[in-house]
C-alpha cells in the first residue's frame, strides 16, 4: 500500500508566518493583506531578526523555540498555543535547563542565554498579544484559500507513489505511513519546505508542490546521512563549514536523484543563507561521473566524496 501525502490547514503555523512576514525578517516585503499588528511589536521582531530567521540548514538561536518546536508534534489550538507560550515564559524564569534544551543551539553559552533571556520574554509577549488580531482579521480568508488548495493537492500529490520510488532507490524507509504537509499562506518568499519532524513539513501553499515534494522526500530520507557528516573530522575544515558545502552536497544530491526518478532536475543558483553559493552544475557533473545505479555505496560516502573533491579542485 502506497504511503500517502496529506495536506493540512492549521492556524498556528499560519499565524507565526503572518507576523514574521509582516515584521519583514527576510527583507522580502511581499505582503498585501496585513493585519493591524502593533508596529512597535513588529519593530521588536525585526530588531532581533538574526536570532529568529533561518534557511539552508542554518538557524538562529531562537528558531527552534519559536517555530519548529511548537509545530513539530501536531496541530495546536489557539488556547494550546497560548498555554505553550506561557509555559516557555515560566520556564525562562524557573526552569532554565528545560528551555536551554529547547533552544538546541550548540554554540549558545550560559552567558549568552542570560543575555537573550529578556529578549525571548519580550518576543513571547509579542506572539501572545497579536494572535487574536490574526484570528479576527485574516484567518478565515487564509483558511478558505488554503482549504481549496488542500482539496486540489491531496489528489495531485498521490497520483504516483513518490515516497515508494525514493524508498526503493535509496533502500531507506520513510518513517511513517503518512507524510503531513502543513500549508501556509504568508511565506511566499521566505523559507518553504520546513522540516517540522520526520513526517511533518511546512510549505508555502502556492509553491509547485509536486516538484517540491519530489525533492523533499529525498532530503527527508537522506537527512540522517547528511547530519552525520557534521560529526566527521574530515568535514571540520573552515572552507567546508563556512561555505555550507555539506548542505550543498546534500541538496544537490537530492535534486540529482530526483532527475533520475522523475525526469526533471532544477538548478539552484545564488547566495546561500548563512554563507556560500549554490553550484548545482558542478555537483551534478560530479555525481554523473561518480555514481553507479543501483547505488553501490552509501549516500553519506557519496556526499563526503563530493565535498572533498569540491575543495580539492578549488572551485
C-alpha atoms as a PDB file:
ATOM      1  CA  UNK A   1       0.000   0.000   0.000  1.00  0.00           C
ATOM      2  CA  UNK A   2       1.367   3.386  -1.026  1.00  0.00           C
ATOM      3  CA  UNK A   3       2.248   5.855   1.714  1.00  0.00           C
ATOM      4  CA  UNK A   4       0.017   8.900   1.353  1.00  0.00           C
ATOM      5  CA  UNK A   5       0.821  12.599   1.301  1.00  0.00           C
ATOM      6  CA  UNK A   6      -1.911  14.621   3.019  1.00  0.00           C
ATOM      7  CA  UNK A   7      -2.154  18.417   3.193  1.00  0.00           C
ATOM      8  CA  UNK A   8      -3.206  20.058   6.454  1.00  0.00           C
ATOM      9  CA  UNK A   9      -4.536  23.548   7.171  1.00  0.00           C
ATOM     10  CA  UNK A  10      -3.612  24.740  10.670  1.00  0.00           C
ATOM     11  CA  UNK A  11      -3.981  28.056  12.472  1.00  0.00           C
ATOM     12  CA  UNK A  12      -0.729  28.386  14.411  1.00  0.00           C
ATOM     13  CA  UNK A  13       1.862  27.948  11.624  1.00  0.00           C
ATOM     14  CA  UNK A  14      -0.112  30.441   9.539  1.00  0.00           C
ATOM     15  CA  UNK A  15      -0.187  32.916  12.412  1.00  0.00           C
ATOM     16  CA  UNK A  16       3.551  32.602  13.002  1.00  0.00           C
ATOM     17  CA  UNK A  17       4.284  33.146   9.312  1.00  0.00           C
ATOM     18  CA  UNK A  18       1.972  36.152   9.272  1.00  0.00           C
ATOM     19  CA  UNK A  19       3.816  38.042  11.991  1.00  0.00           C
ATOM     20  CA  UNK A  20       7.275  37.028  10.766  1.00  0.00           C
ATOM     21  CA  UNK A  21       6.383  38.184   7.259  1.00  0.00           C
ATOM     22  CA  UNK A  22       4.788  41.421   8.500  1.00  0.00           C
ATOM     23  CA  UNK A  23       7.917  42.171  10.511  1.00  0.00           C
ATOM     24  CA  UNK A  24       9.903  41.525   7.289  1.00  0.00           C
ATOM     25  CA  UNK A  25      12.562  39.320   8.884  1.00  0.00           C
ATOM     26  CA  UNK A  26      13.883  38.186   5.487  1.00  0.00           C
ATOM     27  CA  UNK A  27      13.664  41.635   3.815  1.00  0.00           C
ATOM     28  CA  UNK A  28      11.166  40.407   1.219  1.00  0.00           C
ATOM     29  CA  UNK A  29       8.225  42.809   1.675  1.00  0.00           C
ATOM     30  CA  UNK A  30       5.702  40.628  -0.143  1.00  0.00           C
ATOM     31  CA  UNK A  31       2.547  41.037   1.964  1.00  0.00           C
ATOM     32  CA  UNK A  32      -0.528  42.840   0.682  1.00  0.00           C
ATOM     33  CA  UNK A  33      -3.148  41.764   3.242  1.00  0.00           C
ATOM     34  CA  UNK A  34      -1.554  42.848   6.538  1.00  0.00           C
ATOM     35  CA  UNK A  35      -3.390  42.557   9.858  1.00  0.00           C
ATOM     36  CA  UNK A  36      -3.318  45.543  12.203  1.00  0.00           C
ATOM     37  CA  UNK A  37      -0.451  44.304  14.310  1.00  0.00           C
ATOM     38  CA  UNK A  38       1.142  46.857  16.602  1.00  0.00           C
ATOM     39  CA  UNK A  39       4.023  48.408  14.667  1.00  0.00           C
ATOM     40  CA  UNK A  40       6.086  48.529  17.873  1.00  0.00           C
ATOM     41  CA  UNK A  41       5.735  44.736  18.142  1.00  0.00           C
ATOM     42  CA  UNK A  42       6.824  44.271  14.539  1.00  0.00           C
ATOM     43  CA  UNK A  43       9.827  46.514  15.229  1.00  0.00           C
ATOM     44  CA  UNK A  44      10.799  44.233  18.119  1.00  0.00           C
ATOM     45  CA  UNK A  45      10.780  41.162  15.872  1.00  0.00           C
ATOM     46  CA  UNK A  46      12.749  42.975  13.178  1.00  0.00           C
ATOM     47  CA  UNK A  47      15.317  44.204  15.684  1.00  0.00           C
ATOM     48  CA  UNK A  48      16.026  40.640  16.817  1.00  0.00           C
ATOM     49  CA  UNK A  49      15.554  39.010  13.399  1.00  0.00           C
ATOM     50  CA  UNK A  50      19.017  37.408  13.367  1.00  0.00           C
ATOM     51  CA  UNK A  51      18.029  35.383  16.439  1.00  0.00           C
ATOM     52  CA  UNK A  52      14.890  34.084  14.707  1.00  0.00           C
ATOM     53  CA  UNK A  53      15.266  33.694  10.925  1.00  0.00           C
ATOM     54  CA  UNK A  54      16.692  30.608   9.224  1.00  0.00           C
ATOM     55  CA  UNK A  55      17.471  28.945   5.867  1.00  0.00           C
ATOM     56  CA  UNK A  56      19.679  26.342   4.134  1.00  0.00           C
ATOM     57  CA  UNK A  57      20.142  24.382   7.336  1.00  0.00           C
ATOM     58  CA  UNK A  58      21.319  27.433   9.297  1.00  0.00           C
ATOM     59  CA  UNK A  59      19.181  28.615  12.208  1.00  0.00           C
ATOM     60  CA  UNK A  60      19.033  31.442  14.701  1.00  0.00           C
ATOM     61  CA  UNK A  61      19.356  30.872  18.421  1.00  0.00           C
ATOM     62  CA  UNK A  62      15.563  31.135  18.864  1.00  0.00           C
ATOM     63  CA  UNK A  63      14.418  29.371  15.680  1.00  0.00           C
ATOM     64  CA  UNK A  64      13.596  26.017  17.239  1.00  0.00           C
ATOM     65  CA  UNK A  65      11.892  27.511  20.278  1.00  0.00           C
ATOM     66  CA  UNK A  66       9.683  29.915  18.318  1.00  0.00           C
ATOM     67  CA  UNK A  67       8.922  27.934  15.160  1.00  0.00           C
ATOM     68  CA  UNK A  68       9.957  24.301  14.846  1.00  0.00           C
ATOM     69  CA  UNK A  69       9.292  23.040  18.378  1.00  0.00           C
ATOM     70  CA  UNK A  70       5.665  24.190  18.789  1.00  0.00           C
ATOM     71  CA  UNK A  71       4.750  22.931  15.310  1.00  0.00           C
ATOM     72  CA  UNK A  72       6.525  19.567  15.393  1.00  0.00           C
ATOM     73  CA  UNK A  73       4.091  17.214  17.134  1.00  0.00           C
ATOM     74  CA  UNK A  74       0.768  18.143  15.607  1.00  0.00           C
ATOM     75  CA  UNK A  75      -1.964  20.728  15.295  1.00  0.00           C
ATOM     76  CA  UNK A  76      -2.394  23.205  18.168  1.00  0.00           C
ATOM     77  CA  UNK A  77      -5.462  25.248  19.019  1.00  0.00           C
ATOM     78  CA  UNK A  78      -5.167  28.931  19.895  1.00  0.00           C
ATOM     79  CA  UNK A  79      -5.543  28.131  23.598  1.00  0.00           C
ATOM     80  CA  UNK A  80      -2.934  25.369  23.437  1.00  0.00           C
ATOM     81  CA  UNK A  81      -0.500  27.721  21.748  1.00  0.00           C
ATOM     82  CA  UNK A  82      -1.028  30.467  24.308  1.00  0.00           C
ATOM     83  CA  UNK A  83      -0.501  27.906  27.070  1.00  0.00           C
ATOM     84  CA  UNK A  84       2.716  26.814  25.366  1.00  0.00           C
ATOM     85  CA  UNK A  85       3.988  30.404  25.293  1.00  0.00           C
ATOM     86  CA  UNK A  86       3.077  30.848  28.945  1.00  0.00           C
ATOM     87  CA  UNK A  87       4.951  27.660  29.862  1.00  0.00           C
ATOM     88  CA  UNK A  88       8.042  28.820  27.973  1.00  0.00           C
ATOM     89  CA  UNK A  89       7.949  32.186  29.731  1.00  0.00           C
ATOM     90  CA  UNK A  90       7.637  30.448  33.101  1.00  0.00           C
ATOM     91  CA  UNK A  91      10.449  28.102  32.146  1.00  0.00           C
ATOM     92  CA  UNK A  92      12.709  31.033  31.319  1.00  0.00           C
ATOM     93  CA  UNK A  93      12.207  32.262  34.850  1.00  0.00           C
ATOM     94  CA  UNK A  94      12.191  28.989  36.800  1.00  0.00           C
ATOM     95  CA  UNK A  95      13.278  26.038  34.589  1.00  0.00           C
ATOM     96  CA  UNK A  96      16.355  27.243  32.770  1.00  0.00           C
ATOM     97  CA  UNK A  97      17.671  23.791  31.794  1.00  0.00           C
ATOM     98  CA  UNK A  98      14.369  22.861  30.126  1.00  0.00           C
ATOM     99  CA  UNK A  99      14.362  25.961  27.939  1.00  0.00           C
ATOM    100  CA  UNK A 100      18.048  25.638  27.089  1.00  0.00           C
ATOM    101  CA  UNK A 101      17.279  22.157  25.745  1.00  0.00           C
ATOM    102  CA  UNK A 102      14.505  23.543  23.555  1.00  0.00           C
ATOM    103  CA  UNK A 103      16.830  26.143  22.047  1.00  0.00           C
ATOM    104  CA  UNK A 104      19.032  23.371  20.592  1.00  0.00           C
ATOM    105  CA  UNK A 105      21.689  25.881  19.660  1.00  0.00           C
ATOM    106  CA  UNK A 106      25.051  24.254  20.351  1.00  0.00           C
ATOM    107  CA  UNK A 107      27.101  27.443  20.461  1.00  0.00           C
ATOM    108  CA  UNK A 108      24.820  29.208  22.946  1.00  0.00           C
ATOM    109  CA  UNK A 109      26.703  29.540  26.243  1.00  0.00           C
ATOM    110  CA  UNK A 110      25.219  30.072  29.700  1.00  0.00           C
ATOM    111  CA  UNK A 111      26.286  33.704  29.481  1.00  0.00           C
ATOM    112  CA  UNK A 112      24.705  34.002  26.040  1.00  0.00           C
ATOM    113  CA  UNK A 113      21.469  32.534  27.360  1.00  0.00           C
ATOM    114  CA  UNK A 114      21.400  35.012  30.240  1.00  0.00           C
ATOM    115  CA  UNK A 115      21.814  37.834  27.737  1.00  0.00           C
ATOM    116  CA  UNK A 116      18.963  36.766  25.468  1.00  0.00           C
ATOM    117  CA  UNK A 117      16.564  35.622  28.214  1.00  0.00           C
ATOM    118  CA  UNK A 118      14.852  39.077  28.452  1.00  0.00           C
ATOM    119  CA  UNK A 119      14.735  39.219  24.646  1.00  0.00           C
ATOM    120  CA  UNK A 120      12.912  35.870  24.485  1.00  0.00           C
ATOM    121  CA  UNK A 121      10.370  37.062  27.055  1.00  0.00           C
ATOM    122  CA  UNK A 122       9.818  40.226  25.020  1.00  0.00           C
ATOM    123  CA  UNK A 123       9.274  38.214  21.807  1.00  0.00           C
ATOM    124  CA  UNK A 124       6.918  35.767  23.532  1.00  0.00           C
ATOM    125  CA  UNK A 125       4.771  38.696  24.628  1.00  0.00           C
ATOM    126  CA  UNK A 126       4.650  39.903  21.005  1.00  0.00           C
ATOM    127  CA  UNK A 127       3.456  36.463  19.866  1.00  0.00           C
ATOM    128  CA  UNK A 128       0.816  36.375  22.624  1.00  0.00           C
ATOM    129  CA  UNK A 129      -0.515  39.897  22.037  1.00  0.00           C
ATOM    130  CA  UNK A 130      -1.112  39.540  18.320  1.00  0.00           C
ATOM    131  CA  UNK A 131      -2.728  36.113  17.942  1.00  0.00           C
ATOM    132  CA  UNK A 132      -6.290  37.396  18.348  1.00  0.00           C
ATOM    133  CA  UNK A 133      -5.623  40.087  15.701  1.00  0.00           C
ATOM    134  CA  UNK A 134      -4.662  37.451  13.147  1.00  0.00           C
ATOM    135  CA  UNK A 135      -7.686  35.290  14.005  1.00  0.00           C
ATOM    136  CA  UNK A 136     -10.134  38.194  13.874  1.00  0.00           C
ATOM    137  CA  UNK A 137      -8.833  39.876  10.719  1.00  0.00           C
ATOM    138  CA  UNK A 138      -7.398  37.367   8.236  1.00  0.00           C
ATOM    139  CA  UNK A 139      -7.556  33.748   9.373  1.00  0.00           C
ATOM    140  CA  UNK A 140     -10.943  32.957   7.764  1.00  0.00           C
ATOM    141  CA  UNK A 141      -9.745  34.423   4.458  1.00  0.00           C
ATOM    142  CA  UNK A 142      -6.488  32.477   4.569  1.00  0.00           C
ATOM    143  CA  UNK A 143      -8.234  29.279   5.677  1.00  0.00           C
ATOM    144  CA  UNK A 144     -10.654  29.289   2.737  1.00  0.00           C
ATOM    145  CA  UNK A 145      -7.845  29.659   0.206  1.00  0.00           C
ATOM    146  CA  UNK A 146      -5.722  27.008   1.912  1.00  0.00           C
ATOM    147  CA  UNK A 147      -8.587  24.514   2.117  1.00  0.00           C
ATOM    148  CA  UNK A 148      -9.248  24.914  -1.607  1.00  0.00           C
ATOM    149  CA  UNK A 149      -5.577  24.203  -2.277  1.00  0.00           C
ATOM    150  CA  UNK A 150      -5.715  21.195   0.041  1.00  0.00           C
ATOM    151  CA  UNK A 151      -8.585  19.645  -1.948  1.00  0.00           C
ATOM    152  CA  UNK A 152      -6.598  20.046  -5.149  1.00  0.00           C
ATOM    153  CA  UNK A 153      -3.250  18.825  -3.829  1.00  0.00           C
ATOM    154  CA  UNK A 154      -4.427  15.803  -1.819  1.00  0.00           C
ATOM    155  CA  UNK A 155      -5.287  14.181  -5.157  1.00  0.00           C
ATOM    156  CA  UNK A 156      -2.423  15.554  -7.235  1.00  0.00           C
ATOM    157  CA  UNK A 157       0.338  14.620  -4.770  1.00  0.00           C
ATOM    158  CA  UNK A 158      -0.793  10.998  -4.696  1.00  0.00           C
ATOM    159  CA  UNK A 159      -1.155  10.333  -8.407  1.00  0.00           C
ATOM    160  CA  UNK A 160       2.163   8.458  -8.319  1.00  0.00           C
ATOM    161  CA  UNK A 161       3.971   6.736  -5.468  1.00  0.00           C
ATOM    162  CA  UNK A 162       6.612   9.412  -4.852  1.00  0.00           C
ATOM    163  CA  UNK A 163       7.615   8.054  -1.459  1.00  0.00           C
ATOM    164  CA  UNK A 164       7.881   4.486  -2.735  1.00  0.00           C
ATOM    165  CA  UNK A 165      10.150   5.476  -5.629  1.00  0.00           C
ATOM    166  CA  UNK A 166      12.595   7.148  -3.251  1.00  0.00           C
ATOM    167  CA  UNK A 167      12.467   4.253  -0.780  1.00  0.00           C
ATOM    168  CA  UNK A 168      13.334   1.732  -3.482  1.00  0.00           C
ATOM    169  CA  UNK A 169      16.171   3.812  -4.961  1.00  0.00           C
ATOM    170  CA  UNK A 170      17.880   4.570  -1.632  1.00  0.00           C
ATOM    171  CA  UNK A 171      16.949   1.394   0.210  1.00  0.00           C
ATOM    172  CA  UNK A 172      15.681   3.555   3.087  1.00  0.00           C
ATOM    173  CA  UNK A 173      12.174   3.502   4.570  1.00  0.00           C
ATOM    174  CA  UNK A 174      10.124   6.643   5.121  1.00  0.00           C
ATOM    175  CA  UNK A 175       9.468   6.776   8.888  1.00  0.00           C
ATOM    176  CA  UNK A 176       5.661   6.815   8.756  1.00  0.00           C
ATOM    177  CA  UNK A 177       2.603   5.790   6.770  1.00  0.00           C
ATOM    178  CA  UNK A 178       1.500   9.382   6.106  1.00  0.00           C
ATOM    179  CA  UNK A 179       3.505  12.467   5.157  1.00  0.00           C
ATOM    180  CA  UNK A 180       1.728  15.565   6.514  1.00  0.00           C
ATOM    181  CA  UNK A 181       2.173  18.768   4.517  1.00  0.00           C
ATOM    182  CA  UNK A 182       1.198  21.865   6.507  1.00  0.00           C
ATOM    183  CA  UNK A 183       0.129  24.609   4.096  1.00  0.00           C
ATOM    184  CA  UNK A 184       0.866  28.246   4.938  1.00  0.00           C
ATOM    185  CA  UNK A 185      -0.172  31.467   3.274  1.00  0.00           C
ATOM    186  CA  UNK A 186       2.371  34.198   4.009  1.00  0.00           C
ATOM    187  CA  UNK A 187       5.808  32.682   3.330  1.00  0.00           C
ATOM    188  CA  UNK A 188       5.899  33.096  -0.442  1.00  0.00           C
ATOM    189  CA  UNK A 189       9.492  34.444  -0.496  1.00  0.00           C
ATOM    190  CA  UNK A 190      10.628  33.024   2.807  1.00  0.00           C
ATOM    191  CA  UNK A 191      11.703  29.517   3.798  1.00  0.00           C
ATOM    192  CA  UNK A 192       9.404  26.791   2.494  1.00  0.00           C
ATOM    193  CA  UNK A 193       9.843  23.024   2.852  1.00  0.00           C
ATOM    194  CA  UNK A 194      10.380  23.459   6.591  1.00  0.00           C
ATOM    195  CA  UNK A 195      11.110  20.128   8.257  1.00  0.00           C
ATOM    196  CA  UNK A 196       8.988  20.207  11.423  1.00  0.00           C
ATOM    197  CA  UNK A 197       9.539  16.496  12.100  1.00  0.00           C
ATOM    198  CA  UNK A 198      10.318  13.407  10.044  1.00  0.00           C
ATOM    199  CA  UNK A 199       6.663  13.166   8.955  1.00  0.00           C
ATOM    200  CA  UNK A 200       5.501  16.830   9.138  1.00  0.00           C
ATOM    201  CA  UNK A 201       6.725  19.510   6.716  1.00  0.00           C
ATOM    202  CA  UNK A 202       5.533  23.074   6.182  1.00  0.00           C
ATOM    203  CA  UNK A 203       5.196  24.571   2.676  1.00  0.00           C
ATOM    204  CA  UNK A 204       4.047  27.813   1.121  1.00  0.00           C
ATOM    205  CA  UNK A 205       0.695  26.794  -0.324  1.00  0.00           C
ATOM    206  CA  UNK A 206       1.244  28.109  -3.846  1.00  0.00           C
ATOM    207  CA  UNK A 207       4.641  26.524  -4.463  1.00  0.00           C
ATOM    208  CA  UNK A 208       4.941  23.859  -7.155  1.00  0.00           C
ATOM    209  CA  UNK A 209       4.235  21.237  -4.507  1.00  0.00           C
ATOM    210  CA  UNK A 210       4.639  18.208  -6.777  1.00  0.00           C
ATOM    211  CA  UNK A 211       8.132  19.295  -7.807  1.00  0.00           C
ATOM    212  CA  UNK A 212       8.956  20.349  -4.241  1.00  0.00           C
ATOM    213  CA  UNK A 213       7.819  17.031  -2.733  1.00  0.00           C
ATOM    214  CA  UNK A 214       9.730  15.019  -5.303  1.00  0.00           C
ATOM    215  CA  UNK A 215      12.833  16.737  -3.925  1.00  0.00           C
ATOM    216  CA  UNK A 216      11.918  16.950  -0.241  1.00  0.00           C
ATOM    217  CA  UNK A 217      11.072  13.262   0.157  1.00  0.00           C
ATOM    218  CA  UNK A 218      14.649  12.696  -0.941  1.00  0.00           C
ATOM    219  CA  UNK A 219      16.090  15.158   1.570  1.00  0.00           C
ATOM    220  CA  UNK A 220      13.952  13.505   4.250  1.00  0.00           C
ATOM    221  CA  UNK A 221      15.458  10.088   3.529  1.00  0.00           C
ATOM    222  CA  UNK A 222      18.983  11.493   3.062  1.00  0.00           C
ATOM    223  CA  UNK A 223      18.817  13.680   6.163  1.00  0.00           C
ATOM    224  CA  UNK A 224      20.449  11.369   8.697  1.00  0.00           C
ATOM    225  CA  UNK A 225      23.351  10.686   6.335  1.00  0.00           C
ATOM    226  CA  UNK A 226      23.853  14.410   5.851  1.00  0.00           C
ATOM    227  CA  UNK A 227      23.648  15.195   9.580  1.00  0.00           C
ATOM    228  CA  UNK A 228      26.276  12.587  10.402  1.00  0.00           C
ATOM    229  CA  UNK A 229      28.801  14.402   8.203  1.00  0.00           C
ATOM    230  CA  UNK A 230      28.867  17.321  10.645  1.00  0.00           C
ATOM    231  CA  UNK A 231      30.459  14.923  13.159  1.00  0.00           C
ATOM    232  CA  UNK A 232      33.082  13.696  10.675  1.00  0.00           C
ATOM    233  CA  UNK A 233      36.562  15.054  11.464  1.00  0.00           C
ATOM    234  CA  UNK A 234      37.310  15.312   7.741  1.00  0.00           C
ATOM    235  CA  UNK A 235      34.419  17.756   7.365  1.00  0.00           C
ATOM    236  CA  UNK A 236      35.529  20.270  10.012  1.00  0.00           C
ATOM    237  CA  UNK A 237      37.594  22.402   7.628  1.00  0.00           C
ATOM    238  CA  UNK A 238      36.508  26.033   7.755  1.00  0.00           C
ATOM    239  CA  UNK A 239      36.292  26.144   3.947  1.00  0.00           C
ATOM    240  CA  UNK A 240      33.671  23.403   4.158  1.00  0.00           C
ATOM    241  CA  UNK A 241      31.670  24.812   7.043  1.00  0.00           C
ATOM    242  CA  UNK A 242      31.838  28.500   6.120  1.00  0.00           C
ATOM    243  CA  UNK A 243      30.663  27.775   2.573  1.00  0.00           C
ATOM    244  CA  UNK A 244      27.878  25.397   3.635  1.00  0.00           C
ATOM    245  CA  UNK A 245      29.330  22.627   1.454  1.00  0.00           C
ATOM    246  CA  UNK A 246      27.790  19.685   3.323  1.00  0.00           C
ATOM    247  CA  UNK A 247      24.364  21.231   2.829  1.00  0.00           C
ATOM    248  CA  UNK A 248      25.164  21.978  -0.807  1.00  0.00           C
ATOM    249  CA  UNK A 249      26.238  18.388  -1.483  1.00  0.00           C
ATOM    250  CA  UNK A 250      23.102  17.129   0.255  1.00  0.00           C
ATOM    251  CA  UNK A 251      20.601  19.330  -1.584  1.00  0.00           C
ATOM    252  CA  UNK A 252      22.273  18.805  -4.947  1.00  0.00           C
ATOM    253  CA  UNK A 253      22.336  15.013  -4.463  1.00  0.00           C
ATOM    254  CA  UNK A 254      18.603  15.017  -3.701  1.00  0.00           C
ATOM    255  CA  UNK A 255      17.955  17.080  -6.826  1.00  0.00           C
ATOM    256  CA  UNK A 256      20.253  14.909  -8.946  1.00  0.00           C
ATOM    257  CA  UNK A 257      18.428  11.715  -7.906  1.00  0.00           C
ATOM    258  CA  UNK A 258      15.085  13.489  -8.350  1.00  0.00           C
ATOM    259  CA  UNK A 259      16.044  13.885 -12.003  1.00  0.00           C
ATOM    260  CA  UNK A 260      16.620  10.148 -12.280  1.00  0.00           C
ATOM    261  CA  UNK A 261      13.306   9.246 -10.636  1.00  0.00           C
ATOM    262  CA  UNK A 262      11.010  11.956 -12.010  1.00  0.00           C
ATOM    263  CA  UNK A 263      12.753  13.209 -15.169  1.00  0.00           C
ATOM    264  CA  UNK A 264      13.046  16.828 -14.012  1.00  0.00           C
ATOM    265  CA  UNK A 265      16.073  18.467 -12.460  1.00  0.00           C
ATOM    266  CA  UNK A 266      16.294  22.088 -11.268  1.00  0.00           C
ATOM    267  CA  UNK A 267      19.468  24.143 -10.929  1.00  0.00           C
ATOM    268  CA  UNK A 268      19.539  26.300  -7.800  1.00  0.00           C
ATOM    269  CA  UNK A 269      21.563  29.495  -8.057  1.00  0.00           C
ATOM    270  CA  UNK A 270      22.616  32.474  -5.977  1.00  0.00           C
ATOM    271  CA  UNK A 271      23.781  33.098  -2.427  1.00  0.00           C
ATOM    272  CA  UNK A 272      23.050  30.519   0.263  1.00  0.00           C
ATOM    273  CA  UNK A 273      21.636  31.692   3.588  1.00  0.00           C
ATOM    274  CA  UNK A 274      24.464  31.539   6.130  1.00  0.00           C
ATOM    275  CA  UNK A 275      27.343  31.559   3.634  1.00  0.00           C
ATOM    276  CA  UNK A 276      28.468  30.172   0.296  1.00  0.00           C
ATOM    277  CA  UNK A 277      26.912  29.991  -3.157  1.00  0.00           C
ATOM    278  CA  UNK A 278      24.910  27.306  -4.892  1.00  0.00           C
ATOM    279  CA  UNK A 279      26.812  25.358  -7.543  1.00  0.00           C
ATOM    280  CA  UNK A 280      24.469  22.571  -8.582  1.00  0.00           C
ATOM    281  CA  UNK A 281      26.030  22.327 -12.043  1.00  0.00           C
ATOM    282  CA  UNK A 282      29.400  21.225 -10.631  1.00  0.00           C
ATOM    283  CA  UNK A 283      27.808  18.713  -8.263  1.00  0.00           C
ATOM    284  CA  UNK A 284      25.540  17.284 -10.964  1.00  0.00           C
ATOM    285  CA  UNK A 285      28.585  16.708 -13.195  1.00  0.00           C
ATOM    286  CA  UNK A 286      30.449  15.116 -10.291  1.00  0.00           C
ATOM    287  CA  UNK A 287      27.562  12.770  -9.453  1.00  0.00           C
ATOM    288  CA  UNK A 288      27.124  11.853 -13.111  1.00  0.00           C
ATOM    289  CA  UNK A 289      30.738  10.643 -13.229  1.00  0.00           C
ATOM    290  CA  UNK A 290      30.894   9.028  -9.782  1.00  0.00           C
ATOM    291  CA  UNK A 291      27.532   7.404  -9.013  1.00  0.00           C
ATOM    292  CA  UNK A 292      26.605   3.921 -10.198  1.00  0.00           C
ATOM    293  CA  UNK A 293      22.977   2.784 -10.434  1.00  0.00           C
ATOM    294  CA  UNK A 294      21.822   0.829  -8.498  1.00  0.00           C
ATOM    295  CA  UNK A 295      23.806   2.547  -5.767  1.00  0.00           C
ATOM    296  CA  UNK A 296      26.934   0.657  -4.717  1.00  0.00           C
ATOM    297  CA  UNK A 297      27.906   2.976  -1.840  1.00  0.00           C
ATOM    298  CA  UNK A 298      26.073   4.857   0.872  1.00  0.00           C
ATOM    299  CA  UNK A 299      24.658   8.351   0.310  1.00  0.00           C
ATOM    300  CA  UNK A 300      26.920   9.507   3.148  1.00  0.00           C
ATOM    301  CA  UNK A 301      30.007   8.329   1.276  1.00  0.00           C
ATOM    302  CA  UNK A 302      28.751   9.920  -1.943  1.00  0.00           C
ATOM    303  CA  UNK A 303      28.228  13.315  -0.298  1.00  0.00           C
ATOM    304  CA  UNK A 304      31.523  13.215   1.587  1.00  0.00           C
ATOM    305  CA  UNK A 305      33.492  12.426  -1.562  1.00  0.00           C
ATOM    306  CA  UNK A 306      31.693  15.230  -3.413  1.00  0.00           C
ATOM    307  CA  UNK A 307      32.593  17.796  -0.729  1.00  0.00           C
ATOM    308  CA  UNK A 308      36.248  16.730  -0.598  1.00  0.00           C
ATOM    309  CA  UNK A 309      36.504  16.779  -4.402  1.00  0.00           C
ATOM    310  CA  UNK A 310      34.983  20.248  -4.493  1.00  0.00           C
ATOM    311  CA  UNK A 311      37.596  21.503  -2.018  1.00  0.00           C
ATOM    312  CA  UNK A 312      40.441  19.696  -3.796  1.00  0.00           C
ATOM    313  CA  UNK A 313      39.533  21.258  -7.142  1.00  0.00           C
ATOM    314  CA  UNK A 314      39.333  24.692  -5.517  1.00  0.00           C
ATOM    315  CA  UNK A 315      36.042  25.514  -7.185  1.00  0.00           C
END
